[in-house]
Amino acid sequence: MGILKNGPFGGITGTTGGLTSYWLNGQNVTRVKSGKRSHQSLKQLANCQEISVLNEFFEDICPLLKVGFGNEALGTTKNYHNIATSYNKKNAIKGEYPDLEMDYPKVLISRGNLIAPTGVTVEVVTAGLKFNWYTDGWQGGYGLDQVMLLAFDPESKETACIAYGAHRYQGHDILELPDDMKNRPLETYISFVAIDRTDVATSVYTGLIG
């Protein structure tokens, strides 16, 4: 049964007929209630596997994705996870069902309008991975952006990440790794988030390291 909140013009909450209504990000949303199907098509099966593959990658990096896609979700009925999933499902999965897998160089962990990292190198150090980037002489403004770092082990699915690291003007930061991730091949990424959190850079894939 649907319930009218705040009178006939206040929006509906609940299920009426085949429609389900609810509030999302301050907006009254109505969706068609889907029925169960006994058999899934090849397209549906592929879609389920795409989501499963993405979720393995996303599982431990949701805080990073929230920083990377949160601003893009403002004022919409979507959330950061919806947007990150939509982009990466379309662009960062390769193969044919049932052999779908991540296309790591095409993954984005953030998307925005800040100046992207340039001149990036990654080196193995005792504590983990040291990321270096060009500072372009910035001290204030863009120089205060903070680095976002991610390392992902495609075999174990373990991750290490930093959402708010060193400032852009500092030119480097170290992503510390747990012992079981050291000396293993890791997919790596870098981005920047504004000091006031109002924008991010589009992330850059920095290679398979190790």
Foldseek 3Di string as FASTA:
>chain_A
DWDAPPPPPREIAQDDDQKHWDDALNDIDIDGRDDDDPDDDQVRVVVVQLVVQVCLLCVPCVVLLCLQQQLVCPPHRDGSVVVQSVQQSVFFWDDGPPDIHGNLQRHWSHAWDQDWFAPWDWDADPQGIKIFTDLVPDDDDQQQWFKKKKKAQPPVSDIFIDNGHDGSNVGMDGGGDPPVCPPGWIWMKMWTADPVSNTIHTIGTHDTDD
